[in-house]
Amino acid sequence: MSHHSVAAALSDTATMIDRSVRLARRNVDTVFVSILLPVLMMALFVYVFGGAINTGTAYINYVVPGILLLTTGYGAATTAMAVADDMNSGMIDRLRSLPIRSFAVLTGHVAASVARNALSTTLVILASFAMGFRPNATAGDWLAAIGLLLLYVVALSWLAAGLGVVARSVESASTLSFFMLFLPYLSSAFVQPGTMPSWLQPISAHQPITYVVEAVRGFLTGVPVGNSATFALAWCVGLLVFSVALASSLYRQRTRR
């Protein structure tokens, strides 16, 4: 690829990122809900359910990593709906009439998703401090936790983009992305897997969300990480590669005429 082609590709991507960020800024209510809901869920678990749940530590310290992943799920669902809106409103046809590379469209949505999630995650962490969250992480631990969460957000956002491509409406995109919000409840995000029914314990203990939650929890609160970080990294990288390939392939098929 020539220098000119690389520069053009980067310019197209930057243009689509700017467009997606501008759209997100206009939909303040959507961003607000994606931030408010995780904070309300955290307050519900801490103040209503937390007293009845024994995790061997302060429940707020246990549940915050799970809430952070739940926050990214809300953000990814928003991405799926934004892509579905583009695909079904005629916007993609307009963009295809312009000299813009196809991959830049989805990349713009993913970059906007990462920006939204960075904002919402920061605000959720600040709210958790107000509720009593007291991590004992070092600067290196914080960087490791943030890096893993960032990788997870990028992978999940690309998966959401793929779901948005195949959805035939914004509503169906919301339905397709429901599992992103549901899966954390079947992990160790809110309760220990050992407290679940015996048939559910292996699913909870070995699903990808649990590895990511346990790794982030270990980085932030000092509990043993074990092999959770390795498995979490492997799952996130695998999901990213799969999701980029899937979203790109589906986009080409949907826009091929």
C-alpha atoms as a PDB file:
ATOM      1  CA  MET A   1       0.000   0.000   0.000  1.00  0.00           C
ATOM      2  CA  SER A   2       1.432   3.369  -1.039  1.00  0.00           C
ATOM      3  CA  HIS A   3       1.983   6.280   1.283  1.00  0.00           C
ATOM      4  CA  HIS A   4      -0.865   8.134  -0.436  1.00  0.00           C
ATOM      5  CA  SER A   5      -3.246   5.200   0.121  1.00  0.00           C
ATOM      6  CA  VAL A   6      -2.326   4.977   3.793  1.00  0.00           C
ATOM      7  CA  ALA A   7      -2.855   8.708   4.253  1.00  0.00           C
ATOM      8  CA  ALA A   8      -6.223   8.521   2.461  1.00  0.00           C
ATOM      9  CA  ALA A   9      -7.316   5.571   4.608  1.00  0.00           C
ATOM     10  CA  LEU A  10      -6.355   7.398   7.788  1.00  0.00           C
ATOM     11  CA  SER A  11      -8.168  10.521   6.597  1.00  0.00           C
ATOM     12  CA  ASP A  12     -11.348   8.530   5.854  1.00  0.00           C
ATOM     13  CA  THR A  13     -11.181   6.875   9.257  1.00  0.00           C
ATOM     14  CA  ALA A  14     -10.657  10.212  11.025  1.00  0.00           C
ATOM     15  CA  THR A  15     -13.639  11.677   9.165  1.00  0.00           C
ATOM     16  CA  MET A  16     -15.924   8.805  10.187  1.00  0.00           C
ATOM     17  CA  ILE A  17     -14.695   8.939  13.793  1.00  0.00           C
ATOM     18  CA  ASP A  18     -15.472  12.657  13.905  1.00  0.00           C
ATOM     19  CA  ARG A  19     -18.934  12.003  12.455  1.00  0.00           C
ATOM     20  CA  SER A  20     -19.720   9.239  14.984  1.00  0.00           C
ATOM     21  CA  VAL A  21     -18.500  11.325  17.927  1.00  0.00           C
ATOM     22  CA  ARG A  22     -20.652  14.251  16.766  1.00  0.00           C
ATOM     23  CA  LEU A  23     -23.690  11.952  16.548  1.00  0.00           C
ATOM     24  CA  ALA A  24     -22.994  10.682  20.069  1.00  0.00           C
ATOM     25  CA  ARG A  25     -22.784  14.248  21.375  1.00  0.00           C
ATOM     26  CA  ARG A  26     -26.181  14.999  19.855  1.00  0.00           C
ATOM     27  CA  ASN A  27     -27.758  11.937  21.488  1.00  0.00           C
ATOM     28  CA  VAL A  28     -27.089  13.141  25.019  1.00  0.00           C
ATOM     29  CA  ASP A  29     -30.040  11.179  26.398  1.00  0.00           C
ATOM     30  CA  THR A  30     -28.591   7.887  25.132  1.00  0.00           C
ATOM     31  CA  VAL A  31     -25.189   8.625  26.643  1.00  0.00           C
ATOM     32  CA  PHE A  32     -26.834   9.727  29.886  1.00  0.00           C
ATOM     33  CA  VAL A  33     -28.821   6.498  30.158  1.00  0.00           C
ATOM     34  CA  SER A  34     -25.747   4.367  29.428  1.00  0.00           C
ATOM     35  CA  ILE A  35     -24.075   6.081  32.401  1.00  0.00           C
ATOM     36  CA  LEU A  36     -27.061   6.346  34.724  1.00  0.00           C
ATOM     37  CA  LEU A  37     -28.187   2.725  34.467  1.00  0.00           C
ATOM     38  CA  PRO A  38     -24.876   1.175  35.621  1.00  0.00           C
ATOM     39  CA  VAL A  39     -24.693   3.650  38.517  1.00  0.00           C
ATOM     40  CA  LEU A  40     -28.260   2.777  39.541  1.00  0.00           C
ATOM     41  CA  MET A  41     -27.455  -0.937  39.245  1.00  0.00           C
ATOM     42  CA  MET A  42     -24.387  -0.456  41.421  1.00  0.00           C
ATOM     43  CA  ALA A  43     -26.447   1.411  44.024  1.00  0.00           C
ATOM     44  CA  LEU A  44     -29.077  -1.350  43.921  1.00  0.00           C
ATOM     45  CA  PHE A  45     -26.587  -4.142  44.480  1.00  0.00           C
ATOM     46  CA  VAL A  46     -24.573  -2.267  47.113  1.00  0.00           C
ATOM     47  CA  TYR A  47     -27.381  -0.791  49.194  1.00  0.00           C
ATOM     48  CA  VAL A  48     -30.216  -3.295  48.635  1.00  0.00           C
ATOM     49  CA  PHE A  49     -28.661  -6.698  47.939  1.00  0.00           C
ATOM     50  CA  GLY A  50     -25.128  -6.203  49.273  1.00  0.00           C
ATOM     51  CA  GLY A  51     -26.011  -6.806  52.908  1.00  0.00           C
ATOM     52  CA  ALA A  52     -27.351 -10.257  52.101  1.00  0.00           C
ATOM     53  CA  ILE A  53     -24.416 -11.316  49.890  1.00  0.00           C
ATOM     54  CA  ASN A  54     -21.288 -12.644  51.581  1.00  0.00           C
ATOM     55  CA  THR A  55     -18.178 -12.462  49.417  1.00  0.00           C
ATOM     56  CA  GLY A  56     -15.584 -12.381  52.182  1.00  0.00           C
ATOM     57  CA  THR A  57     -14.890  -8.710  51.601  1.00  0.00           C
ATOM     58  CA  ALA A  58     -16.736  -5.408  51.414  1.00  0.00           C
ATOM     59  CA  TYR A  59     -19.337  -6.002  48.731  1.00  0.00           C
ATOM     60  CA  ILE A  60     -18.655  -2.672  47.024  1.00  0.00           C
ATOM     61  CA  ASN A  61     -15.068  -3.809  46.387  1.00  0.00           C
ATOM     62  CA  TYR A  62     -16.348  -7.086  44.963  1.00  0.00           C
ATOM     63  CA  VAL A  63     -19.047  -5.694  42.688  1.00  0.00           C
ATOM     64  CA  VAL A  64     -17.366  -2.667  41.069  1.00  0.00           C
ATOM     65  CA  PRO A  65     -15.391  -4.693  38.468  1.00  0.00           C
ATOM     66  CA  GLY A  66     -18.624  -6.369  37.404  1.00  0.00           C
ATOM     67  CA  ILE A  67     -20.392  -3.021  37.117  1.00  0.00           C
ATOM     68  CA  LEU A  68     -17.565  -1.763  34.906  1.00  0.00           C
ATOM     69  CA  LEU A  69     -18.133  -4.633  32.479  1.00  0.00           C
ATOM     70  CA  LEU A  70     -21.876  -4.056  32.631  1.00  0.00           C
ATOM     71  CA  THR A  71     -21.199  -0.437  31.675  1.00  0.00           C
ATOM     72  CA  THR A  72     -19.320  -1.522  28.560  1.00  0.00           C
ATOM     73  CA  GLY A  73     -22.264  -3.752  27.663  1.00  0.00           C
ATOM     74  CA  TYR A  74     -24.619  -0.772  27.665  1.00  0.00           C
ATOM     75  CA  GLY A  75     -22.160   1.167  25.542  1.00  0.00           C
ATOM     76  CA  ALA A  76     -21.856  -1.700  23.050  1.00  0.00           C
ATOM     77  CA  ALA A  77     -25.631  -1.959  22.745  1.00  0.00           C
ATOM     78  CA  THR A  78     -25.673   1.726  21.822  1.00  0.00           C
ATOM     79  CA  THR A  79     -23.095   1.038  19.118  1.00  0.00           C
ATOM     80  CA  ALA A  80     -25.210  -1.746  17.629  1.00  0.00           C
ATOM     81  CA  MET A  81     -28.199   0.582  17.430  1.00  0.00           C
ATOM     82  CA  ALA A  82     -26.159   3.397  15.851  1.00  0.00           C
ATOM     83  CA  VAL A  83     -24.814   1.064  13.151  1.00  0.00           C
ATOM     84  CA  ALA A  84     -28.300  -0.367  12.522  1.00  0.00           C
ATOM     85  CA  ASP A  85     -29.644   3.160  12.103  1.00  0.00           C
ATOM     86  CA  ASP A  86     -26.998   3.894   9.467  1.00  0.00           C
ATOM     87  CA  MET A  87     -27.650   0.616   7.670  1.00  0.00           C
ATOM     88  CA  ASN A  88     -31.424   1.038   7.491  1.00  0.00           C
ATOM     89  CA  SER A  89     -31.906   4.786   7.109  1.00  0.00           C
ATOM     90  CA  GLY A  90     -30.204   5.132   3.736  1.00  0.00           C
ATOM     91  CA  MET A  91     -27.112   6.764   5.218  1.00  0.00           C
ATOM     92  CA  ILE A  92     -24.847   3.931   4.064  1.00  0.00           C
ATOM     93  CA  ASP A  93     -26.015   4.423   0.475  1.00  0.00           C
ATOM     94  CA  ARG A  94     -25.103   8.092   0.743  1.00  0.00           C
ATOM     95  CA  LEU A  95     -21.691   7.277   2.193  1.00  0.00           C
ATOM     96  CA  ARG A  96     -21.046   4.708  -0.544  1.00  0.00           C
ATOM     97  CA  SER A  97     -21.536   7.440  -3.126  1.00  0.00           C
ATOM     98  CA  LEU A  98     -18.577   9.262  -1.607  1.00  0.00           C
ATOM     99  CA  PRO A  99     -14.886   8.285  -1.989  1.00  0.00           C
ATOM    100  CA  ILE A 100     -14.759   6.829   1.523  1.00  0.00           C
ATOM    101  CA  ARG A 101     -13.352   3.396   2.273  1.00  0.00           C
ATOM    102  CA  SER A 102     -15.953   1.008   3.646  1.00  0.00           C
ATOM    103  CA  PHE A 103     -14.006  -0.103   6.723  1.00  0.00           C
ATOM    104  CA  ALA A 104     -13.821   3.520   7.910  1.00  0.00           C
ATOM    105  CA  VAL A 105     -17.581   3.592   8.581  1.00  0.00           C
ATOM    106  CA  LEU A 106     -17.516   0.793  11.151  1.00  0.00           C
ATOM    107  CA  THR A 107     -14.198   1.990  12.565  1.00  0.00           C
ATOM    108  CA  GLY A 108     -15.794   5.367  13.239  1.00  0.00           C
ATOM    109  CA  HIS A 109     -18.615   3.771  15.197  1.00  0.00           C
ATOM    110  CA  VAL A 110     -16.186   1.623  17.202  1.00  0.00           C
ATOM    111  CA  ALA A 111     -13.971   4.612  18.030  1.00  0.00           C
ATOM    112  CA  ALA A 112     -17.006   6.591  19.192  1.00  0.00           C
ATOM    113  CA  SER A 113     -18.024   3.603  21.318  1.00  0.00           C
ATOM    114  CA  VAL A 114     -14.599   3.518  22.960  1.00  0.00           C
ATOM    115  CA  ALA A 115     -14.828   7.259  23.694  1.00  0.00           C
ATOM    116  CA  ARG A 116     -18.316   6.897  25.212  1.00  0.00           C
ATOM    117  CA  ASN A 117     -17.213   3.939  27.303  1.00  0.00           C
ATOM    118  CA  ALA A 118     -14.135   5.792  28.535  1.00  0.00           C
ATOM    119  CA  LEU A 119     -16.371   8.618  29.765  1.00  0.00           C
ATOM    120  CA  SER A 120     -19.011   6.361  31.323  1.00  0.00           C
ATOM    121  CA  THR A 121     -16.412   4.101  32.966  1.00  0.00           C
ATOM    122  CA  THR A 122     -14.649   7.100  34.498  1.00  0.00           C
ATOM    123  CA  LEU A 123     -17.907   8.449  35.918  1.00  0.00           C
ATOM    124  CA  VAL A 124     -18.903   5.016  37.265  1.00  0.00           C
ATOM    125  CA  ILE A 125     -15.531   4.702  39.018  1.00  0.00           C
ATOM    126  CA  LEU A 126     -15.975   8.159  40.568  1.00  0.00           C
ATOM    127  CA  ALA A 127     -19.474   7.172  41.730  1.00  0.00           C
ATOM    128  CA  SER A 128     -18.089   3.952  43.216  1.00  0.00           C
ATOM    129  CA  PHE A 129     -15.596   5.953  45.279  1.00  0.00           C
ATOM    130  CA  ALA A 130     -18.502   7.996  46.626  1.00  0.00           C
ATOM    131  CA  MET A 131     -20.233   4.734  47.600  1.00  0.00           C
ATOM    132  CA  GLY A 132     -17.191   3.434  49.472  1.00  0.00           C
ATOM    133  CA  PHE A 133     -15.057   1.642  46.896  1.00  0.00           C
ATOM    134  CA  ARG A 134     -11.516   1.487  48.232  1.00  0.00           C
ATOM    135  CA  PRO A 135      -9.061  -0.223  45.846  1.00  0.00           C
ATOM    136  CA  ASN A 136      -5.474  -0.816  46.895  1.00  0.00           C
ATOM    137  CA  ALA A 137      -4.061  -0.962  43.368  1.00  0.00           C
ATOM    138  CA  THR A 138      -0.700   0.450  42.404  1.00  0.00           C
ATOM    139  CA  ALA A 139      -0.223   2.615  39.328  1.00  0.00           C
ATOM    140  CA  GLY A 140       0.864  -0.497  37.427  1.00  0.00           C
ATOM    141  CA  ASP A 141      -2.237  -2.381  38.562  1.00  0.00           C
ATOM    142  CA  TRP A 142      -4.480   0.466  37.389  1.00  0.00           C
ATOM    143  CA  LEU A 143      -2.751   0.481  33.997  1.00  0.00           C
ATOM    144  CA  ALA A 144      -3.192  -3.290  33.686  1.00  0.00           C
ATOM    145  CA  ALA A 145      -6.889  -3.064  34.604  1.00  0.00           C
ATOM    146  CA  ILE A 146      -7.495  -0.141  32.241  1.00  0.00           C
ATOM    147  CA  GLY A 147      -5.616  -1.878  29.421  1.00  0.00           C
ATOM    148  CA  LEU A 148      -7.659  -5.063  29.795  1.00  0.00           C
ATOM    149  CA  LEU A 149     -10.925  -3.115  29.974  1.00  0.00           C
ATOM    150  CA  LEU A 150      -9.934  -1.135  26.873  1.00  0.00           C
ATOM    151  CA  LEU A 151      -9.191  -4.316  24.937  1.00  0.00           C
ATOM    152  CA  TYR A 152     -12.516  -5.783  26.071  1.00  0.00           C
ATOM    153  CA  VAL A 153     -14.392  -2.619  25.049  1.00  0.00           C
ATOM    154  CA  VAL A 154     -12.826  -2.575  21.575  1.00  0.00           C
ATOM    155  CA  ALA A 155     -13.600  -6.268  21.023  1.00  0.00           C
ATOM    156  CA  LEU A 156     -17.183  -5.928  22.267  1.00  0.00           C
ATOM    157  CA  SER A 157     -17.728  -2.780  20.200  1.00  0.00           C
ATOM    158  CA  TRP A 158     -16.678  -4.562  17.015  1.00  0.00           C
ATOM    159  CA  LEU A 159     -19.019  -7.425  17.847  1.00  0.00           C
ATOM    160  CA  ALA A 160     -21.808  -4.901  18.413  1.00  0.00           C
ATOM    161  CA  ALA A 161     -21.013  -3.280  15.068  1.00  0.00           C
ATOM    162  CA  GLY A 162     -21.442  -6.649  13.396  1.00  0.00           C
ATOM    163  CA  LEU A 163     -24.804  -7.148  15.084  1.00  0.00           C
ATOM    164  CA  GLY A 164     -25.839  -3.679  13.959  1.00  0.00           C
ATOM    165  CA  VAL A 165     -24.974  -4.529  10.356  1.00  0.00           C
ATOM    166  CA  VAL A 166     -27.323  -7.538  10.228  1.00  0.00           C
ATOM    167  CA  ALA A 167     -30.135  -5.942  12.247  1.00  0.00           C
ATOM    168  CA  ARG A 168     -33.083  -4.819  10.150  1.00  0.00           C
ATOM    169  CA  SER A 169     -34.048  -2.030  12.535  1.00  0.00           C
ATOM    170  CA  VAL A 170     -32.744  -0.146  15.549  1.00  0.00           C
ATOM    171  CA  GLU A 171     -35.162  -2.109  17.743  1.00  0.00           C
ATOM    172  CA  SER A 172     -33.899  -5.475  16.500  1.00  0.00           C
ATOM    173  CA  ALA A 173     -30.313  -4.314  17.073  1.00  0.00           C
ATOM    174  CA  SER A 174     -31.251  -3.618  20.679  1.00  0.00           C
ATOM    175  CA  THR A 175     -32.700  -7.125  20.948  1.00  0.00           C
ATOM    176  CA  LEU A 176     -29.660  -8.766  19.350  1.00  0.00           C
ATOM    177  CA  SER A 177     -27.312  -6.993  21.753  1.00  0.00           C
ATOM    178  CA  PHE A 178     -29.330  -8.063  24.800  1.00  0.00           C
ATOM    179  CA  PHE A 179     -26.934 -10.905  25.568  1.00  0.00           C
ATOM    180  CA  MET A 180     -24.139  -8.351  26.096  1.00  0.00           C
ATOM    181  CA  LEU A 181     -26.149  -7.035  29.044  1.00  0.00           C
ATOM    182  CA  PHE A 182     -27.304 -10.445  30.252  1.00  0.00           C
ATOM    183  CA  LEU A 183     -24.038 -12.428  30.176  1.00  0.00           C
ATOM    184  CA  PRO A 184     -22.383 -10.599  33.115  1.00  0.00           C
ATOM    185  CA  TYR A 185     -25.204 -11.801  35.392  1.00  0.00           C
ATOM    186  CA  LEU A 186     -24.116 -15.398  34.685  1.00  0.00           C
ATOM    187  CA  SER A 187     -20.536 -14.662  35.739  1.00  0.00           C
ATOM    188  CA  SER A 188     -18.755 -13.892  38.994  1.00  0.00           C
ATOM    189  CA  ALA A 189     -19.546 -10.198  38.526  1.00  0.00           C
ATOM    190  CA  PHE A 190     -22.163 -10.008  41.289  1.00  0.00           C
ATOM    191  CA  VAL A 191     -21.989 -13.262  43.253  1.00  0.00           C
ATOM    192  CA  GLN A 192     -19.457 -16.042  43.626  1.00  0.00           C
ATOM    193  CA  PRO A 193     -20.068 -18.955  41.222  1.00  0.00           C
ATOM    194  CA  GLY A 194     -19.970 -21.399  44.134  1.00  0.00           C
ATOM    195  CA  THR A 195     -23.256 -19.998  45.443  1.00  0.00           C
ATOM    196  CA  MET A 196     -25.081 -20.844  42.201  1.00  0.00           C
ATOM    197  CA  PRO A 197     -26.887 -24.132  41.395  1.00  0.00           C
ATOM    198  CA  SER A 198     -24.446 -26.947  40.644  1.00  0.00           C
ATOM    199  CA  TRP A 199     -25.374 -27.112  36.944  1.00  0.00           C
ATOM    200  CA  LEU A 200     -24.716 -23.381  36.534  1.00  0.00           C
ATOM    201  CA  GLN A 201     -21.425 -23.202  38.423  1.00  0.00           C
ATOM    202  CA  PRO A 202     -19.179 -24.528  35.581  1.00  0.00           C
ATOM    203  CA  ILE A 203     -20.796 -22.092  33.119  1.00  0.00           C
ATOM    204  CA  SER A 204     -20.290 -19.175  35.457  1.00  0.00           C
ATOM    205  CA  ALA A 205     -16.756 -20.114  36.456  1.00  0.00           C
ATOM    206  CA  HIS A 206     -15.394 -20.633  32.946  1.00  0.00           C
ATOM    207  CA  GLN A 207     -17.195 -18.139  30.753  1.00  0.00           C
ATOM    208  CA  PRO A 208     -15.175 -15.197  29.301  1.00  0.00           C
ATOM    209  CA  ILE A 209     -16.805 -12.474  31.412  1.00  0.00           C
ATOM    210  CA  THR A 210     -15.733 -14.220  34.616  1.00  0.00           C
ATOM    211  CA  TYR A 211     -12.079 -14.269  33.548  1.00  0.00           C
ATOM    212  CA  VAL A 212     -12.155 -10.555  32.704  1.00  0.00           C
ATOM    213  CA  VAL A 213     -13.989  -9.667  35.934  1.00  0.00           C
ATOM    214  CA  GLU A 214     -11.629 -11.746  38.079  1.00  0.00           C
ATOM    215  CA  ALA A 215      -8.568 -10.216  36.422  1.00  0.00           C
ATOM    216  CA  VAL A 216      -9.827  -6.648  36.869  1.00  0.00           C
ATOM    217  CA  ARG A 217     -10.887  -7.424  40.444  1.00  0.00           C
ATOM    218  CA  GLY A 218      -7.452  -8.835  41.184  1.00  0.00           C
ATOM    219  CA  PHE A 219      -5.668  -5.819  39.723  1.00  0.00           C
ATOM    220  CA  LEU A 220      -7.798  -3.321  41.636  1.00  0.00           C
ATOM    221  CA  THR A 221      -8.362  -5.006  44.991  1.00  0.00           C
ATOM    222  CA  GLY A 222      -5.332  -7.220  45.412  1.00  0.00           C
ATOM    223  CA  VAL A 223      -7.079 -10.604  45.409  1.00  0.00           C
ATOM    224  CA  PRO A 224      -5.079 -13.354  43.656  1.00  0.00           C
ATOM    225  CA  VAL A 225      -5.375 -13.083  39.890  1.00  0.00           C
ATOM    226  CA  GLY A 226      -4.104 -16.588  39.138  1.00  0.00           C
ATOM    227  CA  ASN A 227      -4.507 -17.488  35.468  1.00  0.00           C
ATOM    228  CA  SER A 228      -7.531 -15.220  35.024  1.00  0.00           C
ATOM    229  CA  ALA A 229      -5.493 -12.464  33.366  1.00  0.00           C
ATOM    230  CA  THR A 230      -4.016 -14.884  30.819  1.00  0.00           C
ATOM    231  CA  PHE A 231      -7.397 -16.378  29.945  1.00  0.00           C
ATOM    232  CA  ALA A 232      -9.017 -12.920  29.872  1.00  0.00           C
ATOM    233  CA  LEU A 233      -6.358 -11.613  27.489  1.00  0.00           C
ATOM    234  CA  ALA A 234      -6.719 -14.661  25.247  1.00  0.00           C
ATOM    235  CA  TRP A 235     -10.518 -14.363  25.169  1.00  0.00           C
ATOM    236  CA  CYS A 236     -10.411 -10.630  24.405  1.00  0.00           C
ATOM    237  CA  VAL A 237      -7.863 -10.987  21.609  1.00  0.00           C
ATOM    238  CA  GLY A 238      -9.797 -13.908  20.131  1.00  0.00           C
ATOM    239  CA  LEU A 239     -13.077 -11.994  20.340  1.00  0.00           C
ATOM    240  CA  LEU A 240     -11.476  -8.941  18.729  1.00  0.00           C
ATOM    241  CA  VAL A 241     -10.090 -10.886  15.772  1.00  0.00           C
ATOM    242  CA  PHE A 242     -13.362 -12.757  15.302  1.00  0.00           C
ATOM    243  CA  SER A 243     -15.510  -9.630  15.621  1.00  0.00           C
ATOM    244  CA  VAL A 244     -13.464  -7.506  13.196  1.00  0.00           C
ATOM    245  CA  ALA A 245     -13.550 -10.284  10.601  1.00  0.00           C
ATOM    246  CA  LEU A 246     -17.268 -10.911  11.146  1.00  0.00           C
ATOM    247  CA  ALA A 247     -18.315  -7.253  11.077  1.00  0.00           C
ATOM    248  CA  SER A 248     -16.221  -6.528   7.984  1.00  0.00           C
ATOM    249  CA  SER A 249     -17.550  -9.564   6.124  1.00  0.00           C
ATOM    250  CA  LEU A 250     -21.170  -8.839   7.016  1.00  0.00           C
ATOM    251  CA  TYR A 251     -20.765  -5.196   5.994  1.00  0.00           C
ATOM    252  CA  ARG A 252     -19.360  -6.153   2.595  1.00  0.00           C
ATOM    253  CA  GLN A 253     -22.192  -8.625   2.023  1.00  0.00           C
ATOM    254  CA  ARG A 254     -24.881  -6.152   3.112  1.00  0.00           C
ATOM    255  CA  THR A 255     -23.557  -3.343   0.917  1.00  0.00           C
ATOM    256  CA  ARG A 256     -22.715  -5.457  -2.133  1.00  0.00           C
ATOM    257  CA  ARG A 257     -25.010  -4.622  -5.038  1.00  0.00           C
END
